[in-house]
Protein backbone atom coordinates (compact mmCIF):
# COMPACT_ATOMS: atom_id res chain seq x y z
CA MET A 1 -0.62 -28.03 25.93
CA THR A 2 3.12 -28.04 26.39
CA LYS A 3 5.49 -25.79 24.53
CA GLU A 4 7.32 -28.87 23.15
CA PHE A 5 4.12 -30.24 21.62
CA ILE A 6 3.39 -26.83 20.07
CA VAL A 7 6.87 -26.60 18.58
CA GLU A 8 6.78 -30.16 17.32
CA LYS A 9 3.33 -29.77 15.70
CA ILE A 10 4.21 -26.41 14.02
CA ASN A 11 7.48 -27.80 12.67
CA HIS A 12 5.67 -30.89 11.32
CA LEU A 13 3.12 -28.61 9.59
CA LEU A 14 5.89 -26.49 8.08
CA VAL A 15 7.62 -29.55 6.61
CA ASP A 16 4.59 -31.49 5.41
CA GLU A 17 2.27 -28.72 4.25
CA PHE A 18 4.63 -25.93 3.25
CA GLU A 19 7.70 -27.96 2.07
CA VAL A 20 10.07 -26.11 4.40
CA GLU A 21 13.42 -27.86 4.72
CA GLU A 22 13.90 -29.28 8.21
CA THR A 23 17.36 -27.73 8.34
CA ASP A 24 15.80 -24.28 7.95
CA ILE A 25 13.45 -24.78 10.98
CA ILE A 26 15.29 -23.01 13.73
CA PRO A 27 13.79 -20.58 16.36
CA GLU A 28 15.61 -17.57 14.84
CA ALA A 29 14.36 -18.24 11.30
CA ASN A 30 12.50 -15.35 9.75
CA LEU A 31 9.15 -16.60 8.54
CA LYS A 32 9.30 -14.53 5.31
CA GLU A 33 12.95 -14.43 4.41
CA THR A 34 14.39 -17.70 5.76
CA LEU A 35 11.30 -19.94 5.43
CA ALA A 36 10.04 -18.17 2.25
CA LEU A 37 6.42 -17.98 3.42
CA ASP A 38 4.41 -15.51 1.36
CA SER A 39 1.06 -13.91 2.21
CA LEU A 40 -0.92 -16.83 0.77
CA ASP A 41 1.19 -19.25 2.81
CA PHE A 42 0.39 -17.23 5.90
CA VAL A 43 -3.31 -17.61 5.22
CA ASP A 44 -2.93 -21.36 4.78
CA LEU A 45 -0.73 -21.49 7.88
CA VAL A 46 -3.48 -19.74 9.97
CA VAL A 47 -6.12 -22.15 8.73
CA ALA A 48 -3.88 -25.15 9.51
CA ILE A 49 -3.05 -23.80 13.00
CA GLU A 50 -6.69 -23.12 13.76
CA ALA A 51 -7.69 -26.60 12.60
CA ASN A 52 -4.84 -28.42 14.47
CA PHE A 53 -4.96 -26.40 17.69
CA GLY A 54 -8.57 -25.33 17.89
CA ILE A 55 -7.69 -21.67 18.36
CA LYS A 56 -8.67 -18.47 16.52
CA LEU A 57 -5.94 -16.16 15.10
CA VAL A 58 -6.55 -12.63 13.79
CA GLY A 59 -4.29 -10.30 11.83
CA GLU A 60 -3.37 -8.25 14.87
CA ASP A 61 -1.84 -11.38 16.40
CA PHE A 62 0.91 -11.21 13.77
CA LEU A 63 1.99 -7.63 14.28
CA ASN A 64 5.11 -8.63 16.24
CA VAL A 65 5.73 -12.05 14.69
CA ASN A 66 8.86 -12.14 12.59
CA THR A 67 10.66 -15.27 13.62
CA LEU A 68 9.62 -18.84 14.15
CA GLN A 69 10.18 -18.35 17.88
CA ASP A 70 7.70 -15.42 17.84
CA PHE A 71 5.20 -17.66 16.16
CA TYR A 72 5.73 -20.46 18.74
CA ASN A 73 5.23 -17.84 21.50
CA LEU A 74 2.03 -16.55 19.86
CA ILE A 75 0.45 -19.98 19.69
CA GLU A 76 1.53 -20.77 23.26
CA SER A 77 0.00 -17.47 24.47
CA LYS A 78 -3.39 -18.59 23.12
CA PHE A 79 -3.42 -21.39 25.68
CA ASN A 80 -2.46 -19.26 28.70
């Protein structure tokens, strides 16, 4: 799975499922502050990622995830 595919799929989910503005979707965007994702959104995002990518995420995976780039990297790491 390519990094470009991962980024495109995540961005698409954020726009379609979480009503994030496309203009806010930049790698440096903070998931909580810039994209306004709350704890319930994170649960829904994990479910969507697991369903769309066929991977399992646990709470510890998110310890160092603050930005959208961190999130992209986390998902990509699950395929390496």
